[in-house]
């Protein structure tokens, strides 16, 4: 029983190896000398190889560089932007809901810039606040209102998403360009086959006649 089971596993393993070998040979036939191979087939093989290099190597490089650039940008935002206390110059609109939590509306506020000057501007604040209420806003190094920067954890996640998006965008561009080039090669092959058939077809008709 055990011998038969081992033989069965060896047979299945050998079949799988042979199938994999045949599959690899079919995929690499354009690289081997073949009387049926055309110049377009060699060009297509190089296009496929370059496409995979761009997708794998270029995608990794583009994704890494984009993620690092985004992470540096978020770090700069955290260093440049600071919270500051501001005072509402107007009443914030009342929410139509009984519970105003989560609703924010643009309201005019006053705050003190890093240079000591008093400035005014509009920013989103919670609804239902009266004029003169104190709120926390974010300003950049020039004293202009801005949004709260992402925290370290959120910044890493967003940077990773930017990196993945850049890699996918490059892969999509490479695959799209490759598909277009291969389509053009297919059109050329069809034209060549048609021209050759116009020469060979009449000879076959004479032999069969």
Protein backbone atom coordinates (compact mmCIF):
# COMPACT_ATOMS: atom_id res chain seq x y z
CA UNK A 1 0.00 0.00 0.00
CA UNK A 2 2.70 2.45 0.94
CA UNK A 3 4.78 1.58 -2.14
CA UNK A 4 1.85 2.16 -4.45
CA UNK A 5 1.09 5.45 -2.71
CA UNK A 6 4.70 6.59 -3.09
CA UNK A 7 4.68 5.59 -6.76
CA UNK A 8 1.45 7.53 -7.27
CA UNK A 9 2.92 10.62 -5.68
CA UNK A 10 6.08 10.30 -7.76
CA UNK A 11 4.01 9.91 -10.91
CA UNK A 12 1.91 12.97 -10.12
CA UNK A 13 5.05 14.93 -9.26
CA UNK A 14 6.67 13.90 -12.52
CA UNK A 15 3.59 14.88 -14.51
CA UNK A 16 3.50 18.27 -12.82
CA UNK A 17 7.18 18.86 -13.57
CA UNK A 18 6.73 17.89 -17.22
CA UNK A 19 3.71 20.16 -17.57
CA UNK A 20 5.63 23.04 -16.03
CA UNK A 21 8.54 22.41 -18.40
CA UNK A 22 6.28 22.34 -21.44
CA UNK A 23 4.56 25.50 -20.27
CA UNK A 24 7.90 27.27 -19.84
CA UNK A 25 9.02 26.15 -23.29
CA UNK A 26 5.84 27.50 -24.85
CA UNK A 27 6.36 30.85 -23.15
CA UNK A 28 10.03 31.06 -24.17
CA UNK A 29 9.71 29.84 -27.76
CA UNK A 30 10.23 33.37 -29.09
CA UNK A 31 13.71 33.42 -27.58
CA UNK A 32 14.81 30.16 -29.27
CA UNK A 33 15.84 29.79 -32.89
CA UNK A 34 12.76 28.72 -34.81
CA UNK A 35 12.14 28.80 -38.56
CA UNK A 36 8.61 30.03 -37.86
CA UNK A 37 9.80 32.85 -35.64
CA UNK A 38 9.40 36.30 -37.15
CA UNK A 39 11.12 39.55 -36.29
CA UNK A 40 7.83 40.73 -34.75
CA UNK A 41 7.91 37.72 -32.40
CA UNK A 42 11.35 38.71 -31.11
CA UNK A 43 10.20 42.31 -30.68
CA UNK A 44 7.16 41.11 -28.76
CA UNK A 45 9.35 38.99 -26.48
CA UNK A 46 11.48 42.03 -25.65
CA UNK A 47 8.35 44.11 -25.05
CA UNK A 48 7.03 41.53 -22.59
CA UNK A 49 10.39 41.36 -20.79
CA UNK A 50 10.72 45.13 -20.52
CA UNK A 51 7.12 45.41 -19.36
CA UNK A 52 7.71 42.96 -16.51
CA UNK A 53 10.90 44.75 -15.53
CA UNK A 54 9.05 48.06 -15.42
CA UNK A 55 6.17 46.56 -13.45
CA UNK A 56 8.33 44.73 -10.89
CA UNK A 57 11.48 46.83 -10.58
CA UNK A 58 10.09 50.19 -11.68
CA UNK A 59 6.95 49.71 -9.60
CA UNK A 60 8.99 48.94 -6.48
CA UNK A 61 11.23 51.97 -7.03
CA UNK A 62 8.34 54.32 -7.85
CA UNK A 63 6.29 53.09 -4.90
CA UNK A 64 9.19 53.43 -2.47
CA UNK A 65 10.19 56.91 -3.65
CA UNK A 66 6.58 58.12 -3.57
CA UNK A 67 6.01 56.73 -0.08
CA UNK A 68 9.23 58.35 1.21
CA UNK A 69 8.33 61.68 -0.38
CA UNK A 70 4.83 61.58 1.10
CA UNK A 71 6.20 60.66 4.53
CA UNK A 72 8.64 63.59 4.40
CA UNK A 73 5.83 65.92 3.37
CA UNK A 74 3.65 64.79 6.28
CA UNK A 75 6.59 65.17 8.69
CA UNK A 76 7.16 68.71 7.40
CA UNK A 77 3.47 69.50 7.89
CA UNK A 78 3.61 68.29 11.50
CA UNK A 79 6.65 70.50 12.13
CA UNK A 80 5.21 73.54 10.34
CA UNK A 81 1.61 73.50 11.55
CA UNK A 82 0.70 74.38 15.09
CA UNK A 83 -2.60 74.56 17.00
CA UNK A 84 -3.69 77.97 18.26
CA UNK A 85 -6.65 79.28 20.24
CA UNK A 86 -9.09 81.37 18.20
CA UNK A 87 -12.26 83.28 19.04
CA UNK A 88 -15.44 83.09 16.99
CA UNK A 89 -16.31 86.44 15.42
CA UNK A 90 -19.83 85.22 14.52
CA UNK A 91 -22.29 82.66 15.76
CA UNK A 92 -21.87 79.29 14.13
CA UNK A 93 -25.05 78.02 12.41
CA UNK A 94 -27.39 75.87 14.42
CA UNK A 95 -27.69 72.28 13.29
CA UNK A 96 -31.09 71.06 12.15
CA UNK A 97 -30.45 67.93 14.17
CA UNK A 98 -31.02 67.82 17.92
CA UNK A 99 -27.47 66.61 18.35
CA UNK A 100 -24.97 68.90 16.67
CA UNK A 101 -22.00 66.58 17.26
CA UNK A 102 -20.06 65.85 14.09
CA UNK A 103 -21.47 68.83 12.16
CA UNK A 104 -19.05 71.60 11.22
CA UNK A 105 -19.66 74.85 9.39
CA UNK A 106 -17.34 77.60 8.11
CA UNK A 107 -17.31 80.53 10.55
CA UNK A 108 -15.21 83.70 10.82
CA UNK A 109 -12.61 83.51 13.62
CA UNK A 110 -9.84 85.69 15.07
CA UNK A 111 -6.46 84.39 16.19
CA UNK A 112 -2.92 85.60 16.87
CA UNK A 113 -0.28 84.73 14.27
CA UNK A 114 3.32 83.77 15.17
CA UNK A 115 4.45 87.33 14.42
CA UNK A 116 2.03 88.68 17.07
CA UNK A 117 -0.51 90.20 14.68
CA UNK A 118 -4.23 89.55 14.99
CA UNK A 119 -5.74 87.89 11.95
CA UNK A 120 -9.19 86.87 10.82
CA UNK A 121 -10.36 84.11 8.53
CA UNK A 122 -12.96 81.43 8.04
CA UNK A 123 -12.56 77.84 9.16
CA UNK A 124 -14.76 74.87 10.00
CA UNK A 125 -16.01 74.80 13.59
CA UNK A 126 -18.67 72.87 15.44
CA UNK A 127 -22.24 74.09 15.01
CA UNK A 128 -24.23 75.80 17.74
CA UNK A 129 -21.41 77.96 19.16
CA UNK A 130 -21.93 81.62 20.04
CA UNK A 131 -19.71 84.50 19.01
CA UNK A 132 -16.83 84.91 21.43
CA UNK A 133 -16.50 81.17 22.04
CA UNK A 134 -12.96 79.81 22.05
CA UNK A 135 -11.98 77.11 19.57
CA UNK A 136 -8.75 75.47 18.48
CA UNK A 137 -7.59 76.05 14.90
CA UNK A 138 -4.43 75.13 13.02
CA UNK A 139 -2.04 77.61 11.42
CA UNK A 140 1.13 77.19 9.41
CA UNK A 141 4.44 78.92 9.96
CA UNK A 142 3.20 82.01 8.08
CA UNK A 143 0.14 82.32 10.32
CA UNK A 144 -2.40 81.20 7.69
CA UNK A 145 -5.22 78.87 8.61
CA UNK A 146 -4.74 75.28 7.50
CA UNK A 147 -5.90 71.77 8.34
CA UNK A 148 -4.62 69.52 11.09
CA UNK A 149 -1.67 67.44 9.85
CA UNK A 150 -1.92 63.64 9.98
CA UNK A 151 -0.36 61.94 12.98
CA UNK A 152 2.65 59.62 12.61
CA UNK A 153 0.56 56.45 12.30
CA UNK A 154 -1.96 57.99 9.92
CA UNK A 155 0.90 59.51 7.90
CA UNK A 156 2.59 56.12 7.48
CA UNK A 157 -0.66 54.57 6.29
CA UNK A 158 -1.33 57.39 3.83
CA UNK A 159 2.27 57.31 2.60
CA UNK A 160 1.99 53.58 1.99
CA UNK A 161 -1.25 54.11 0.07
CA UNK A 162 0.42 56.78 -2.07
CA UNK A 163 3.28 54.38 -2.76
CA UNK A 164 0.96 51.55 -3.75
CA UNK A 165 -1.03 53.91 -5.96
CA UNK A 166 2.14 55.08 -7.71
CA UNK A 167 3.27 51.49 -8.31
CA UNK A 168 -0.15 50.51 -9.65
CA UNK A 169 -0.29 53.59 -11.88
CA UNK A 170 3.11 52.77 -13.36
CA UNK A 171 2.12 49.13 -13.84
CA UNK A 172 -1.11 50.14 -15.56
CA UNK A 173 0.73 52.54 -17.86
CA UNK A 174 3.34 49.90 -18.72
CA UNK A 175 0.75 47.19 -19.35
CA UNK A 176 -1.39 49.53 -21.44
CA UNK A 177 1.58 50.60 -23.55
CA UNK A 178 2.64 46.97 -23.93
CA UNK A 179 -0.85 45.91 -24.98
CA UNK A 180 -0.98 48.67 -27.59
CA UNK A 181 2.44 47.74 -28.99
CA UNK A 182 1.56 44.05 -29.13
CA UNK A 183 -1.72 44.87 -30.86
CA UNK A 184 0.24 46.77 -33.52
CA UNK A 185 2.55 43.77 -33.91
CA UNK A 186 -0.45 41.46 -34.28
CA UNK A 187 -1.82 43.70 -37.03
CA UNK A 188 1.51 43.52 -38.85
CA UNK A 189 1.60 39.73 -38.51
CA UNK A 190 -1.94 39.45 -39.85
CA UNK A 191 -0.99 41.61 -42.83
CA UNK A 192 2.09 39.49 -43.48
CA UNK A 193 0.12 36.26 -43.22
CA UNK A 194 -2.46 37.65 -45.63
CA UNK A 195 0.20 38.66 -48.15
CA UNK A 196 1.89 35.27 -47.89
CA UNK A 197 -1.41 33.47 -48.30
CA UNK A 198 -2.06 35.46 -51.46
CA UNK A 199 1.16 33.94 -52.85
CA UNK A 200 0.78 30.39 -51.51
CA UNK A 201 -2.98 29.96 -51.83
CA UNK A 202 -3.14 29.86 -55.65
CA UNK A 203 -0.41 27.16 -55.73
CA UNK A 204 -2.46 24.96 -53.42
CA UNK A 205 -5.49 25.46 -55.62
CA UNK A 206 -3.46 24.30 -58.64
CA UNK A 207 -2.25 21.18 -56.83
CA UNK A 208 -5.73 20.23 -55.64
CA UNK A 209 -7.17 20.90 -59.10
